[in-house]
Amino acid sequence: MASKLSPVHRADTMSLHETESGYVSGSGSDSTFPEIYFTKPHLAFLNRQLQFLEPQDILRWCITSLPGLFQTTAFGLTGLVTLDMLSKMKIPRPQMVDLIFLDTLHHFQETLALVDRVRSRYPLVNIHVYKPEGTETTEEFTRKHGERLWETNDELYDWVAKVEPAQRAYRELQVAAVLTGRRRSQGGKRGDLDVIEVDEAGLIKVNPLANWSFQDVQNYVKLNDVPYNELLDRSYKSVGDWHSTEPIKPGEDERAGRWKGQQKTECGIHNPRSKFAQYLREQEMKKQEEALQKALDGLQVA
């Protein structure tokens, strides 16, 4: 089955020259572009080739090959290295890779301070910030969803704080491909990570540093004076929301401090979208059943 990359440009007619020649040049404003497909053999071929390239070469391939390219980041160490590499490529404005930051309203203050330092260090980069729908502050989030939602309903928290804002960003920004900060050395589900993936909805996900270790990333940060989260100097290695992130002990896996004591290893945006679609259907059915039961109870009272 072919994997689809949604077209960024769309029109209903071709120019007379293109109609006569049978080719679409891409230079005309009214050109019709076919959708781009990655067949499974093509995707496998790309991964075989890309896995031998340095991250900078993978990034160059992405910039020249993938329309609608953005970087999704929570300003972890790998994402910051990717950002720094891109900044050194002197990419012209139309091809610059904008950032998408999902502000869950539950980040550490150190993370938010890092965002300001990133803006100062890389002034040409646009950062698109997306928050949970209908909320701007932690207090508003609590009023809308209740206290400690991540404990009372973890899947709902992932949906409202991360998955829905991500999908809204992809839709509003016309995102067709994203750069992520995932690496194989992070373990868990990431242990067999490919450089390039396609999710259920056709979104291209590229992991340019998939082959790097934490030490490789750390060495690059030090050598290039890349700004990083101050929490990393306090035994943290992977930083997410304050309520689900802890420092790690020597010898523990890099992401051992995330959701400690739980089976969970991913925050939601890298889980299959069908999982959340099923969850939403179950929630809707539950609401309908409760409404029906309430109506029946009312009839019995009457």
Protein backbone atom coordinates (compact mmCIF):
# COMPACT_ATOMS: atom_id res chain seq x y z
CA MET A 1 0.00 0.00 0.00
CA ALA A 2 1.35 3.40 -0.89
CA SER A 3 1.85 6.07 1.78
CA LYS A 4 0.60 9.50 0.88
CA LEU A 5 2.14 12.94 1.26
CA SER A 6 -0.62 15.55 0.97
CA PRO A 7 -0.02 18.09 -1.81
CA VAL A 8 0.79 21.62 -0.75
CA HIS A 9 -0.14 23.19 -4.10
CA ARG A 10 -3.48 22.46 -5.76
CA ALA A 11 -5.28 23.86 -8.78
CA ASP A 12 -7.89 22.66 -11.26
CA THR A 13 -6.19 23.52 -14.54
CA MET A 14 -2.82 23.26 -16.24
CA SER A 15 -1.31 25.84 -18.55
CA LEU A 16 -1.79 25.34 -22.29
CA HIS A 17 1.90 24.52 -22.70
CA GLU A 18 1.76 21.85 -20.00
CA THR A 19 -1.46 20.39 -21.41
CA GLU A 20 0.12 20.07 -24.85
CA SER A 21 3.40 18.67 -23.61
CA GLY A 22 1.86 16.22 -21.16
CA TYR A 23 4.21 17.38 -18.39
CA VAL A 24 3.71 19.54 -15.30
CA SER A 25 6.70 21.83 -14.75
CA GLY A 26 5.77 23.21 -11.34
CA SER A 27 6.70 26.72 -12.42
CA GLY A 28 3.21 27.96 -13.26
CA SER A 29 0.86 29.23 -10.58
CA ASP A 30 -2.04 27.24 -12.01
CA SER A 31 -0.28 23.89 -12.34
CA THR A 32 -1.92 20.70 -11.10
CA PHE A 33 0.40 18.56 -9.02
CA PRO A 34 -0.21 14.87 -8.47
CA GLU A 35 -0.12 13.67 -4.87
CA ILE A 36 3.24 12.24 -3.84
CA TYR A 37 3.26 8.62 -2.75
CA PHE A 38 5.89 6.56 -0.95
CA THR A 39 5.36 2.92 -1.75
CA LYS A 40 6.68 0.48 0.83
CA PRO A 41 9.63 -0.52 -1.39
CA HIS A 42 10.45 3.18 -1.97
CA LEU A 43 10.27 3.90 1.76
CA ALA A 44 12.50 0.92 2.51
CA PHE A 45 14.98 2.11 -0.14
CA LEU A 46 15.06 5.63 1.31
CA ASN A 47 15.73 4.28 4.78
CA ARG A 48 18.56 2.09 3.54
CA GLN A 49 20.18 5.11 1.90
CA LEU A 50 19.50 7.69 4.61
CA GLN A 51 20.77 5.57 7.50
CA PHE A 52 24.33 5.93 6.20
CA LEU A 53 24.17 9.73 5.97
CA GLU A 54 25.17 12.27 8.59
CA PRO A 55 22.25 14.21 10.14
CA GLN A 56 23.16 17.36 8.19
CA ASP A 57 22.90 15.43 4.92
CA ILE A 58 19.54 13.98 5.95
CA LEU A 59 18.33 17.50 6.71
CA ARG A 60 19.48 18.74 3.31
CA TRP A 61 17.58 15.89 1.66
CA CYS A 62 14.46 16.82 3.64
CA ILE A 63 14.64 20.49 2.68
CA THR A 64 14.94 19.72 -1.03
CA SER A 65 12.53 16.78 -1.11
CA LEU A 66 9.67 17.39 1.31
CA PRO A 67 7.18 20.25 0.94
CA GLY A 68 5.35 21.48 4.01
CA LEU A 69 8.31 20.61 6.26
CA PHE A 70 8.29 21.69 9.93
CA GLN A 71 10.16 20.72 13.08
CA THR A 72 8.15 19.58 16.09
CA THR A 73 10.00 20.10 19.34
CA ALA A 74 9.68 20.32 23.11
CA PHE A 75 13.22 21.77 23.08
CA GLY A 76 14.87 18.54 24.14
CA LEU A 77 18.56 18.13 23.48
CA THR A 78 18.18 16.33 20.14
CA GLY A 79 15.69 18.87 18.82
CA LEU A 80 18.04 21.69 19.77
CA VAL A 81 20.89 20.02 17.87
CA THR A 82 18.63 19.71 14.81
CA LEU A 83 17.70 23.39 15.11
CA ASP A 84 21.36 24.41 15.37
CA MET A 85 22.32 22.30 12.35
CA LEU A 86 19.55 23.88 10.29
CA SER A 87 20.64 27.38 11.36
CA LYS A 88 24.13 26.76 9.96
CA MET A 89 22.85 25.73 6.52
CA LYS A 90 22.00 29.29 5.46
CA ILE A 91 18.65 28.19 4.10
CA PRO A 92 16.81 30.88 2.09
CA ARG A 93 13.58 32.16 3.63
CA PRO A 94 10.97 30.16 1.67
CA GLN A 95 12.73 26.90 2.56
CA MET A 96 13.41 27.67 6.23
CA VAL A 97 12.01 25.10 8.64
CA ASP A 98 9.62 26.61 11.18
CA LEU A 99 9.20 25.11 14.65
CA ILE A 100 6.01 23.81 16.26
CA PHE A 101 6.04 23.87 20.07
CA LEU A 102 3.16 22.26 21.97
CA ASP A 103 2.77 24.26 25.17
CA THR A 104 0.86 21.83 27.37
CA LEU A 105 0.65 24.53 30.09
CA HIS A 106 2.50 22.07 32.34
CA HIS A 107 6.08 22.56 31.24
CA PHE A 108 8.86 23.32 33.70
CA GLN A 109 9.72 27.00 34.07
CA GLU A 110 13.22 26.07 32.92
CA THR A 111 11.75 24.82 29.63
CA LEU A 112 9.83 28.05 29.05
CA ALA A 113 12.95 30.08 29.86
CA LEU A 114 14.82 27.98 27.28
CA VAL A 115 12.24 28.91 24.62
CA ASP A 116 13.10 32.58 25.19
CA ARG A 117 16.82 31.85 24.88
CA VAL A 118 16.21 29.93 21.65
CA ARG A 119 14.31 32.88 20.20
CA SER A 120 17.26 35.13 21.04
CA ARG A 121 19.90 32.74 19.68
CA TYR A 122 18.02 31.90 16.46
CA PRO A 123 16.05 35.06 15.59
CA LEU A 124 15.26 33.98 12.00
CA VAL A 125 13.35 30.90 13.11
CA ASN A 126 9.57 31.12 13.50
CA ILE A 127 8.18 29.28 16.53
CA HIS A 128 4.48 28.40 16.30
CA VAL A 129 3.09 27.79 19.79
CA TYR A 130 -0.03 25.68 20.20
CA LYS A 131 -1.84 25.27 23.52
CA PRO A 132 -4.77 23.08 24.62
CA GLU A 133 -7.89 24.33 22.88
CA GLY A 134 -9.75 27.08 24.70
CA THR A 135 -7.11 27.58 27.40
CA GLU A 136 -4.21 29.99 27.81
CA THR A 137 -3.11 29.32 31.41
CA THR A 138 -2.73 26.38 33.79
CA GLU A 139 -5.59 27.76 35.86
CA GLU A 140 -7.92 27.81 32.84
CA PHE A 141 -6.88 24.26 31.98
CA THR A 142 -7.73 23.09 35.52
CA ARG A 143 -11.10 24.86 35.51
CA LYS A 144 -12.01 23.25 32.20
CA HIS A 145 -10.68 19.72 32.78
CA GLY A 146 -10.47 19.33 36.56
CA GLU A 147 -7.59 18.84 38.98
CA ARG A 148 -4.66 16.59 37.99
CA LEU A 149 -6.21 15.29 34.77
CA TRP A 150 -3.01 13.35 34.02
CA GLU A 151 -3.86 11.15 37.04
CA THR A 152 -7.66 10.96 36.72
CA ASN A 153 -7.68 10.32 32.96
CA ASP A 154 -4.25 9.97 31.41
CA GLU A 155 -5.47 9.32 27.86
CA LEU A 156 -7.76 12.35 27.94
CA TYR A 157 -4.84 14.46 29.17
CA ASP A 158 -2.68 13.28 26.27
CA TRP A 159 -5.48 14.12 23.85
CA VAL A 160 -6.30 17.63 25.07
CA ALA A 161 -2.74 18.71 25.94
CA LYS A 162 -0.77 17.17 23.09
CA VAL A 163 -2.57 15.20 20.39
CA GLU A 164 -5.37 17.64 19.56
CA PRO A 165 -3.05 20.72 19.55
CA ALA A 166 -0.62 18.82 17.30
CA GLN A 167 -3.35 17.86 14.85
CA ARG A 168 -4.66 21.44 14.88
CA ALA A 169 -1.15 22.73 14.12
CA TYR A 170 -0.71 20.27 11.25
CA ARG A 171 -4.06 21.30 9.79
CA GLU A 172 -3.70 25.07 10.17
CA LEU A 173 -0.07 25.21 9.02
CA GLN A 174 -0.59 22.65 6.21
CA VAL A 175 2.13 20.43 7.59
CA ALA A 176 3.07 17.53 5.36
CA ALA A 177 6.31 16.41 7.04
CA VAL A 178 7.94 16.90 10.43
CA LEU A 179 11.43 16.57 11.87
CA THR A 180 11.44 14.86 15.27
CA GLY A 181 14.05 14.44 17.99
CA ARG A 182 13.64 10.70 18.42
CA ARG A 183 16.67 8.40 18.51
CA ARG A 184 17.15 4.63 18.70
CA SER A 185 19.39 4.96 21.75
CA GLN A 186 16.43 6.31 23.73
CA GLY A 187 15.14 2.73 23.93
CA GLY A 188 11.58 1.51 24.34
CA LYS A 189 9.50 1.72 21.18
CA ARG A 190 12.23 3.88 19.66
CA GLY A 191 14.79 1.08 19.63
CA ASP A 192 14.06 0.05 16.03
CA LEU A 193 13.31 3.53 14.72
CA ASP A 194 13.68 4.23 10.99
CA VAL A 195 15.06 7.53 9.72
CA ILE A 196 11.86 8.21 7.78
CA GLU A 197 8.36 7.00 8.66
CA VAL A 198 4.80 7.62 7.49
CA ASP A 199 1.96 7.61 10.01
CA GLU A 200 -1.62 6.44 9.49
CA ALA A 201 -2.73 9.86 8.23
CA GLY A 202 0.11 10.17 5.69
CA LEU A 203 2.26 12.51 7.79
CA ILE A 204 5.96 12.08 7.03
CA LYS A 205 8.10 11.83 10.18
CA VAL A 206 11.86 12.18 9.80
CA ASN A 207 14.26 11.32 12.61
CA PRO A 208 17.54 12.86 11.40
CA LEU A 209 19.53 11.89 14.51
CA ALA A 210 18.10 8.39 14.77
CA ASN A 211 21.60 6.86 14.76
CA TRP A 212 23.13 9.16 17.38
CA SER A 213 23.69 8.30 21.03
CA PHE A 214 23.04 10.67 23.92
CA GLN A 215 26.79 11.19 24.14
CA ASP A 216 26.94 12.18 20.45
CA VAL A 217 24.21 14.75 21.05
CA GLN A 218 25.85 16.06 24.20
CA ASN A 219 29.21 16.41 22.47
CA TYR A 220 27.64 18.45 19.66
CA VAL A 221 25.91 20.73 22.19
CA LYS A 222 29.18 21.41 24.01
CA LEU A 223 31.23 21.88 20.84
CA ASN A 224 28.72 24.29 19.30
CA ASP A 225 27.59 26.04 22.49
CA VAL A 226 23.95 25.14 21.83
CA PRO A 227 21.52 26.49 24.47
CA TYR A 228 19.94 23.70 26.50
CA ASN A 229 17.56 23.09 29.37
CA GLU A 230 19.18 23.81 32.75
CA LEU A 231 17.46 20.71 34.15
CA LEU A 232 20.00 18.59 32.29
CA ASP A 233 22.60 19.80 34.78
CA ARG A 234 20.43 18.37 37.58
CA SER A 235 20.38 14.70 36.49
CA TYR A 236 17.49 15.04 34.03
CA LYS A 237 18.06 13.65 30.53
CA SER A 238 14.60 13.67 28.92
CA VAL A 239 12.34 16.55 29.92
CA GLY A 240 8.57 16.69 29.45
CA ASP A 241 5.78 17.97 31.70
CA TRP A 242 6.76 18.66 35.31
CA HIS A 243 4.26 16.14 36.67
CA SER A 244 5.63 13.20 34.67
CA THR A 245 9.37 13.89 34.61
CA GLU A 246 11.99 13.01 37.21
CA PRO A 247 15.79 13.03 37.34
CA ILE A 248 17.44 9.70 36.62
CA LYS A 249 20.06 7.69 38.49
CA PRO A 250 23.47 6.74 37.05
CA GLY A 251 23.12 3.77 34.71
CA GLU A 252 19.40 4.25 34.04
CA ASP A 253 18.04 4.58 30.52
CA GLU A 254 17.84 8.07 29.08
CA ARG A 255 14.04 8.19 29.31
CA ALA A 256 13.75 6.36 32.65
CA GLY A 257 12.62 9.59 34.30
CA ARG A 258 9.51 9.86 32.11
CA TRP A 259 6.29 8.39 33.59
CA LYS A 260 8.32 6.54 36.23
CA GLY A 261 6.55 3.45 37.54
CA GLN A 262 4.18 3.32 34.56
CA GLN A 263 4.13 1.16 31.43
CA LYS A 264 3.88 4.33 29.36
CA THR A 265 6.84 5.31 27.15
CA GLU A 266 5.37 7.88 24.72
CA CYS A 267 3.53 11.16 25.29
CA GLY A 268 0.80 10.58 22.73
CA ILE A 269 1.84 12.45 19.60
CA HIS A 270 3.94 9.50 18.43
CA ASN A 271 1.29 6.88 19.18
CA PRO A 272 -1.02 5.63 16.40
CA ARG A 273 -3.82 8.12 15.74
CA SER A 274 -6.29 5.22 15.63
CA LYS A 275 -5.70 4.69 19.34
CA PHE A 276 -7.03 8.16 20.13
CA ALA A 277 -9.84 7.88 17.59
CA GLN A 278 -10.99 4.73 19.38
CA TYR A 279 -10.66 6.45 22.73
CA LEU A 280 -12.80 9.38 21.58
CA ARG A 281 -15.44 7.00 20.20
CA GLU A 282 -15.54 5.19 23.55
CA GLN A 283 -15.92 8.49 25.40
CA GLU A 284 -18.76 9.55 23.11
CA MET A 285 -20.53 6.22 23.56
CA LYS A 286 -20.14 6.55 27.32
CA LYS A 287 -21.73 10.02 27.23
CA GLN A 288 -24.63 8.71 25.13
CA GLU A 289 -25.18 5.79 27.51
CA GLU A 290 -25.16 8.13 30.51
CA ALA A 291 -27.64 10.47 28.80
CA LEU A 292 -29.90 7.52 27.94
CA GLN A 293 -29.75 6.19 31.47
CA LYS A 294 -30.58 9.64 32.84
CA ALA A 295 -33.58 9.87 30.52
CA LEU A 296 -34.78 6.40 31.59
CA ASP A 297 -34.38 7.31 35.26
CA GLY A 298 -36.49 10.41 34.62
CA LEU A 299 -39.25 8.33 33.06
CA GLN A 300 -39.27 5.94 36.01
CA VAL A 301 -39.59 8.83 38.47
CA ALA A 302 -42.48 10.28 36.45
